[in-house]
Amino acid sequence: MKSVAALLLVGMLLLWTELPTGSSWSCPHIQITCAMVNPPNRCFTDRQCPRFQKCCPSFCGRRCLSRRSSLPI
């Protein structure tokens, strides 16, 4: 019985580590992109951004955006 509980706990921990760390908001849609062949990226994943920010495609490359800066004005 203890081994079943241990396996269940390990399985739950593995699933928990695979969950996305961001919030429910998504990156804004980019309508225009720059003409650079390899634009510089300031991030590649959400984990490289400060708390409450996401790594999103921007006009030219990827960068960290907060929810507030992603809303239309």
PDB file of N, CA and C in Angstrom:
ATOM      1  N   MET A   1       0.820  -1.196   0.000  1.00  0.00           N
ATOM      2  CA  MET A   1       0.000   0.000   0.000  1.00  0.00           C
ATOM      3  C   MET A   1       0.867   1.264   0.000  1.00  0.00           C
ATOM      4  N   LYS A   2       1.983   1.207   0.745  1.00  0.00           N
ATOM      5  CA  LYS A   2       2.861   2.377   0.790  1.00  0.00           C
ATOM      6  C   LYS A   2       3.493   2.649  -0.569  1.00  0.00           C
ATOM      7  N   SER A   3       3.817   1.586  -1.320  1.00  0.00           N
ATOM      8  CA  SER A   3       4.440   1.769  -2.627  1.00  0.00           C
ATOM      9  C   SER A   3       3.458   2.393  -3.621  1.00  0.00           C
ATOM     10  N   VAL A   4       2.166   2.068  -3.504  1.00  0.00           N
ATOM     11  CA  VAL A   4       1.152   2.662  -4.375  1.00  0.00           C
ATOM     12  C   VAL A   4       1.033   4.150  -4.087  1.00  0.00           C
ATOM     13  N   ALA A   5       1.032   4.500  -2.820  1.00  0.00           N
ATOM     14  CA  ALA A   5       0.951   5.914  -2.439  1.00  0.00           C
ATOM     15  C   ALA A   5       2.193   6.668  -2.900  1.00  0.00           C
ATOM     16  N   ALA A   6       3.362   6.056  -2.785  1.00  0.00           N
ATOM     17  CA  ALA A   6       4.593   6.700  -3.224  1.00  0.00           C
ATOM     18  C   ALA A   6       4.586   6.905  -4.735  1.00  0.00           C
ATOM     19  N   LEU A   7       4.133   5.888  -5.488  1.00  0.00           N
ATOM     20  CA  LEU A   7       4.048   6.033  -6.937  1.00  0.00           C
ATOM     21  C   LEU A   7       3.045   7.105  -7.346  1.00  0.00           C
ATOM     22  N   LEU A   8       1.943   7.176  -6.650  1.00  0.00           N
ATOM     23  CA  LEU A   8       0.947   8.207  -6.916  1.00  0.00           C
ATOM     24  C   LEU A   8       1.522   9.593  -6.652  1.00  0.00           C
ATOM     25  N   LEU A   9       2.244   9.737  -5.563  1.00  0.00           N
ATOM     26  CA  LEU A   9       2.860  11.018  -5.233  1.00  0.00           C
ATOM     27  C   LEU A   9       3.891  11.424  -6.284  1.00  0.00           C
ATOM     28  N   VAL A  10       4.716  10.486  -6.712  1.00  0.00           N
ATOM     29  CA  VAL A  10       5.721  10.777  -7.743  1.00  0.00           C
ATOM     30  C   VAL A  10       5.040  11.170  -9.051  1.00  0.00           C
ATOM     31  N   GLY A  11       3.976  10.467  -9.413  1.00  0.00           N
ATOM     32  CA  GLY A  11       3.241  10.795 -10.630  1.00  0.00           C
ATOM     33  C   GLY A  11       2.637  12.182 -10.575  1.00  0.00           C
ATOM     34  N   MET A  12       2.076  12.545  -9.429  1.00  0.00           N
ATOM     35  CA  MET A  12       1.493  13.880  -9.280  1.00  0.00           C
ATOM     36  C   MET A  12       2.568  14.956  -9.352  1.00  0.00           C
ATOM     37  N   LEU A  13       3.727  14.704  -8.756  1.00  0.00           N
ATOM     38  CA  LEU A  13       4.818  15.668  -8.827  1.00  0.00           C
ATOM     39  C   LEU A  13       5.314  15.852 -10.257  1.00  0.00           C
ATOM     40  N   LEU A  14       5.394  14.762 -11.011  1.00  0.00           N
ATOM     41  CA  LEU A  14       5.810  14.869 -12.410  1.00  0.00           C
ATOM     42  C   LEU A  14       4.809  15.675 -13.223  1.00  0.00           C
ATOM     43  N   LEU A  15       3.530  15.445 -13.012  1.00  0.00           N
ATOM     44  CA  LEU A  15       2.516  16.226 -13.718  1.00  0.00           C
ATOM     45  C   LEU A  15       2.562  17.686 -13.318  1.00  0.00           C
ATOM     46  N   TRP A  16       2.792  17.969 -12.053  1.00  0.00           N
ATOM     47  CA  TRP A  16       2.843  19.341 -11.562  1.00  0.00           C
ATOM     48  C   TRP A  16       4.003  20.111 -12.182  1.00  0.00           C
ATOM     49  N   THR A  17       5.144  19.455 -12.383  1.00  0.00           N
ATOM     50  CA  THR A  17       6.293  20.143 -12.972  1.00  0.00           C
ATOM     51  C   THR A  17       6.076  20.441 -14.439  1.00  0.00           C
ATOM     52  N   GLU A  18       5.172  19.738 -15.103  1.00  0.00           N
ATOM     53  CA  GLU A  18       4.904  19.964 -16.514  1.00  0.00           C
ATOM     54  C   GLU A  18       3.855  21.045 -16.753  1.00  0.00           C
ATOM     55  N   LEU A  19       3.178  21.516 -15.705  1.00  0.00           N
ATOM     56  CA  LEU A  19       2.148  22.525 -15.872  1.00  0.00           C
ATOM     57  C   LEU A  19       2.773  23.858 -16.274  1.00  0.00           C
ATOM     58  N   PRO A  20       2.091  24.649 -17.102  1.00  0.00           N
ATOM     59  CA  PRO A  20       2.627  25.957 -17.484  1.00  0.00           C
ATOM     60  C   PRO A  20       2.717  26.870 -16.278  1.00  0.00           C
ATOM     61  N   THR A  21       3.758  27.707 -16.246  1.00  0.00           N
ATOM     62  CA  THR A  21       3.966  28.577 -15.102  1.00  0.00           C
ATOM     63  C   THR A  21       3.345  29.949 -15.289  1.00  0.00           C
ATOM     64  N   GLY A  22       2.903  30.263 -16.477  1.00  0.00           N
ATOM     65  CA  GLY A  22       2.336  31.583 -16.760  1.00  0.00           C
ATOM     66  C   GLY A  22       0.912  31.695 -16.268  1.00  0.00           C
ATOM     67  N   SER A  23       0.306  32.801 -16.576  1.00  0.00           N
ATOM     68  CA  SER A  23      -1.076  33.020 -16.195  1.00  0.00           C
ATOM     69  C   SER A  23      -1.976  32.697 -17.383  1.00  0.00           C
ATOM     70  N   SER A  24      -3.251  33.012 -17.260  1.00  0.00           N
ATOM     71  CA  SER A  24      -4.200  32.641 -18.298  1.00  0.00           C
ATOM     72  C   SER A  24      -4.197  33.591 -19.485  1.00  0.00           C
ATOM     73  N   TRP A  25      -3.552  34.718 -19.413  1.00  0.00           N
ATOM     74  CA  TRP A  25      -3.547  35.634 -20.548  1.00  0.00           C
ATOM     75  C   TRP A  25      -2.544  35.185 -21.595  1.00  0.00           C
ATOM     76  N   SER A  26      -2.803  35.553 -22.817  1.00  0.00           N
ATOM     77  CA  SER A  26      -1.936  35.136 -23.912  1.00  0.00           C
ATOM     78  C   SER A  26      -1.224  36.354 -24.502  1.00  0.00           C
ATOM     79  N   CYS A  27      -0.229  36.087 -25.301  1.00  0.00           N
ATOM     80  CA  CYS A  27       0.551  37.149 -25.927  1.00  0.00           C
ATOM     81  C   CYS A  27      -0.300  37.881 -26.960  1.00  0.00           C
ATOM     82  N   PRO A  28      -0.050  39.182 -27.131  1.00  0.00           N
ATOM     83  CA  PRO A  28      -0.821  39.937 -28.128  1.00  0.00           C
ATOM     84  C   PRO A  28      -0.454  39.505 -29.546  1.00  0.00           C
ATOM     85  N   HIS A  29      -1.377  39.678 -30.458  1.00  0.00           N
ATOM     86  CA  HIS A  29      -1.143  39.342 -31.860  1.00  0.00           C
ATOM     87  C   HIS A  29      -0.269  40.434 -32.494  1.00  0.00           C
ATOM     88  N   ILE A  30       0.736  40.022 -33.212  1.00  0.00           N
ATOM     89  CA  ILE A  30       1.643  40.956 -33.885  1.00  0.00           C
ATOM     90  C   ILE A  30       1.252  41.029 -35.355  1.00  0.00           C
ATOM     91  N   GLN A  31       0.918  42.228 -35.822  1.00  0.00           N
ATOM     92  CA  GLN A  31       0.478  42.381 -37.201  1.00  0.00           C
ATOM     93  C   GLN A  31       1.626  42.721 -38.139  1.00  0.00           C
ATOM     94  N   ILE A  32       2.645  43.403 -37.656  1.00  0.00           N
ATOM     95  CA  ILE A  32       3.774  43.823 -38.484  1.00  0.00           C
ATOM     96  C   ILE A  32       5.043  43.257 -37.866  1.00  0.00           C
ATOM     97  N   THR A  33       5.935  42.739 -38.676  1.00  0.00           N
ATOM     98  CA  THR A  33       7.216  42.252 -38.180  1.00  0.00           C
ATOM     99  C   THR A  33       8.349  42.986 -38.879  1.00  0.00           C
ATOM    100  N   CYS A  34       9.484  43.016 -38.237  1.00  0.00           N
ATOM    101  CA  CYS A  34      10.627  43.722 -38.802  1.00  0.00           C
ATOM    102  C   CYS A  34      11.254  42.913 -39.938  1.00  0.00           C
ATOM    103  N   ALA A  35      12.083  43.553 -40.710  1.00  0.00           N
ATOM    104  CA  ALA A  35      12.680  42.914 -41.883  1.00  0.00           C
ATOM    105  C   ALA A  35      14.004  42.225 -41.573  1.00  0.00           C
ATOM    106  N   MET A  36      14.436  42.228 -40.319  1.00  0.00           N
ATOM    107  CA  MET A  36      15.688  41.572 -39.967  1.00  0.00           C
ATOM    108  C   MET A  36      15.567  40.063 -40.165  1.00  0.00           C
ATOM    109  N   VAL A  37      16.634  39.444 -40.659  1.00  0.00           N
ATOM    110  CA  VAL A  37      16.631  38.003 -40.877  1.00  0.00           C
ATOM    111  C   VAL A  37      16.606  37.257 -39.546  1.00  0.00           C
ATOM    112  N   ASN A  38      17.454  37.626 -38.613  1.00  0.00           N
ATOM    113  CA  ASN A  38      17.500  37.021 -37.281  1.00  0.00           C
ATOM    114  C   ASN A  38      17.354  38.115 -36.228  1.00  0.00           C
ATOM    115  N   PRO A  39      16.130  38.517 -35.918  1.00  0.00           N
ATOM    116  CA  PRO A  39      15.964  39.581 -34.922  1.00  0.00           C
ATOM    117  C   PRO A  39      16.452  39.112 -33.553  1.00  0.00           C
ATOM    118  N   PRO A  40      16.988  40.029 -32.737  1.00  0.00           N
ATOM    119  CA  PRO A  40      17.487  39.646 -31.418  1.00  0.00           C
ATOM    120  C   PRO A  40      16.339  39.273 -30.478  1.00  0.00           C
ATOM    121  N   ASN A  41      16.504  38.181 -29.773  1.00  0.00           N
ATOM    122  CA  ASN A  41      15.519  37.741 -28.784  1.00  0.00           C
ATOM    123  C   ASN A  41      16.049  38.065 -27.399  1.00  0.00           C
ATOM    124  N   ARG A  42      15.224  38.675 -26.587  1.00  0.00           N
ATOM    125  CA  ARG A  42      15.614  38.970 -25.206  1.00  0.00           C
ATOM    126  C   ARG A  42      15.206  37.849 -24.267  1.00  0.00           C
ATOM    127  N   CYS A  43      14.390  36.920 -24.756  1.00  0.00           N
ATOM    128  CA  CYS A  43      13.984  35.756 -23.971  1.00  0.00           C
ATOM    129  C   CYS A  43      13.587  34.649 -24.938  1.00  0.00           C
ATOM    130  N   PHE A  44      13.521  33.436 -24.410  1.00  0.00           N
ATOM    131  CA  PHE A  44      13.073  32.297 -25.199  1.00  0.00           C
ATOM    132  C   PHE A  44      11.921  31.563 -24.524  1.00  0.00           C
ATOM    133  N   THR A  45      11.841  31.621 -23.191  1.00  0.00           N
ATOM    134  CA  THR A  45      10.760  30.987 -22.438  1.00  0.00           C
ATOM    135  C   THR A  45      10.254  31.938 -21.366  1.00  0.00           C
ATOM    136  N   ASP A  46       9.074  31.655 -20.823  1.00  0.00           N
ATOM    137  CA  ASP A  46       8.497  32.483 -19.757  1.00  0.00           C
ATOM    138  C   ASP A  46       9.361  32.474 -18.504  1.00  0.00           C
ATOM    139  N   ARG A  47      10.096  31.405 -18.294  1.00  0.00           N
ATOM    140  CA  ARG A  47      10.931  31.310 -17.088  1.00  0.00           C
ATOM    141  C   ARG A  47      12.095  32.301 -17.095  1.00  0.00           C
ATOM    142  N   GLN A  48      12.450  32.814 -18.257  1.00  0.00           N
ATOM    143  CA  GLN A  48      13.531  33.799 -18.348  1.00  0.00           C
ATOM    144  C   GLN A  48      13.037  35.212 -18.053  1.00  0.00           C
ATOM    145  N   CYS A  49      11.743  35.384 -17.881  1.00  0.00           N
ATOM    146  CA  CYS A  49      11.153  36.701 -17.630  1.00  0.00           C
ATOM    147  C   CYS A  49      10.905  36.898 -16.139  1.00  0.00           C
ATOM    148  N   PRO A  50      10.837  38.167 -15.712  1.00  0.00           N
ATOM    149  CA  PRO A  50      10.472  38.438 -14.315  1.00  0.00           C
ATOM    150  C   PRO A  50       9.073  37.910 -14.008  1.00  0.00           C
ATOM    151  N   ARG A  51       8.772  37.848 -12.747  1.00  0.00           N
ATOM    152  CA  ARG A  51       7.481  37.333 -12.299  1.00  0.00           C
ATOM    153  C   ARG A  51       6.337  38.139 -12.916  1.00  0.00           C
ATOM    154  N   PHE A  52       5.253  37.470 -13.271  1.00  0.00           N
ATOM    155  CA  PHE A  52       4.049  38.042 -13.867  1.00  0.00           C
ATOM    156  C   PHE A  52       4.286  38.592 -15.274  1.00  0.00           C
ATOM    157  N   GLN A  53       5.334  38.137 -15.944  1.00  0.00           N
ATOM    158  CA  GLN A  53       5.566  38.507 -17.330  1.00  0.00           C
ATOM    159  C   GLN A  53       5.703  37.250 -18.169  1.00  0.00           C
ATOM    160  N   LYS A  54       5.472  37.399 -19.479  1.00  0.00           N
ATOM    161  CA  LYS A  54       5.568  36.284 -20.410  1.00  0.00           C
ATOM    162  C   LYS A  54       6.544  36.644 -21.526  1.00  0.00           C
ATOM    163  N   CYS A  55       7.178  35.631 -22.077  1.00  0.00           N
ATOM    164  CA  CYS A  55       8.054  35.808 -23.223  1.00  0.00           C
ATOM    165  C   CYS A  55       7.176  35.741 -24.470  1.00  0.00           C
ATOM    166  N   CYS A  56       7.031  36.861 -25.148  1.00  0.00           N
ATOM    167  CA  CYS A  56       6.122  36.952 -26.283  1.00  0.00           C
ATOM    168  C   CYS A  56       6.842  37.469 -27.519  1.00  0.00           C
ATOM    169  N   PRO A  57       6.349  37.080 -28.693  1.00  0.00           N
ATOM    170  CA  PRO A  57       6.896  37.679 -29.907  1.00  0.00           C
ATOM    171  C   PRO A  57       6.523  39.153 -29.940  1.00  0.00           C
ATOM    172  N   SER A  58       7.453  39.975 -30.358  1.00  0.00           N
ATOM    173  CA  SER A  58       7.183  41.407 -30.465  1.00  0.00           C
ATOM    174  C   SER A  58       7.422  41.831 -31.913  1.00  0.00           C
ATOM    175  N   PHE A  59       7.412  43.118 -32.133  1.00  0.00           N
ATOM    176  CA  PHE A  59       7.633  43.653 -33.473  1.00  0.00           C
ATOM    177  C   PHE A  59       8.920  43.112 -34.087  1.00  0.00           C
ATOM    178  N   CYS A  60       9.956  42.998 -33.268  1.00  0.00           N
ATOM    179  CA  CYS A  60      11.239  42.532 -33.776  1.00  0.00           C
ATOM    180  C   CYS A  60      11.917  41.649 -32.715  1.00  0.00           C
ATOM    181  N   GLY A  61      11.680  40.362 -32.767  1.00  0.00           N
ATOM    182  CA  GLY A  61      12.247  39.442 -31.784  1.00  0.00           C
ATOM    183  C   GLY A  61      11.289  39.193 -30.631  1.00  0.00           C
ATOM    184  N   ARG A  62      11.701  38.346 -29.701  1.00  0.00           N
ATOM    185  CA  ARG A  62      10.893  38.026 -28.521  1.00  0.00           C
ATOM    186  C   ARG A  62      11.362  38.866 -27.339  1.00  0.00           C
ATOM    187  N   ARG A  63      10.429  39.247 -26.476  1.00  0.00           N
ATOM    188  CA  ARG A  63      10.765  40.001 -25.269  1.00  0.00           C
ATOM    189  C   ARG A  63       9.734  39.735 -24.188  1.00  0.00           C
ATOM    190  N   CYS A  64      10.086  40.089 -22.967  1.00  0.00           N
ATOM    191  CA  CYS A  64       9.192  39.897 -21.821  1.00  0.00           C
ATOM    192  C   CYS A  64       8.140  40.994 -21.804  1.00  0.00           C
ATOM    193  N   LEU A  65       6.891  40.602 -21.688  1.00  0.00           N
ATOM    194  CA  LEU A  65       5.791  41.557 -21.623  1.00  0.00           C
ATOM    195  C   LEU A  65       4.967  41.314 -20.377  1.00  0.00           C
ATOM    196  N   SER A  66       4.496  42.392 -19.781  1.00  0.00           N
ATOM    197  CA  SER A  66       3.556  42.258 -18.673  1.00  0.00           C
ATOM    198  C   SER A  66       2.149  42.345 -19.245  1.00  0.00           C
ATOM    199  N   ARG A  67       1.191  41.920 -18.503  1.00  0.00           N
ATOM    200  CA  ARG A  67      -0.193  41.947 -18.981  1.00  0.00           C
ATOM    201  C   ARG A  67      -0.612  43.369 -19.319  1.00  0.00           C
ATOM    202  N   ARG A  68      -0.202  44.305 -18.532  1.00  0.00           N
ATOM    203  CA  ARG A  68      -0.579  45.699 -18.723  1.00  0.00           C
ATOM    204  C   ARG A  68      -0.049  46.235 -20.059  1.00  0.00           C
ATOM    205  N   SER A  69       1.189  45.873 -20.424  1.00  0.00           N
ATOM    206  CA  SER A  69       1.767  46.387 -21.657  1.00  0.00           C
ATOM    207  C   SER A  69       1.230  45.671 -22.891  1.00  0.00           C
ATOM    208  N   SER A  70       0.565  44.544 -22.710  1.00  0.00           N
ATOM    209  CA  SER A  70       0.046  43.804 -23.855  1.00  0.00           C
ATOM    210  C   SER A  70      -1.383  44.210 -24.219  1.00  0.00           C
ATOM    211  N   LEU A  71      -2.043  44.994 -23.366  1.00  0.00           N
ATOM    212  CA  LEU A  71      -3.410  45.417 -23.649  1.00  0.00           C
ATOM    213  C   LEU A  71      -3.407  46.611 -24.605  1.00  0.00           C
ATOM    214  N   PRO A  72      -4.353  46.668 -25.542  1.00  0.00           N
ATOM    215  CA  PRO A  72      -4.406  47.807 -26.454  1.00  0.00           C
ATOM    216  C   PRO A  72      -4.761  49.085 -25.715  1.00  0.00           C
ATOM    217  N   ILE A  73      -4.240  50.180 -26.177  1.00  0.00           N
ATOM    218  CA  ILE A  73      -4.511  51.483 -25.528  1.00  0.00           C
ATOM    219  C   ILE A  73      -5.671  52.155 -26.190  1.00  0.00           C
TER     220      ILE A  73
END
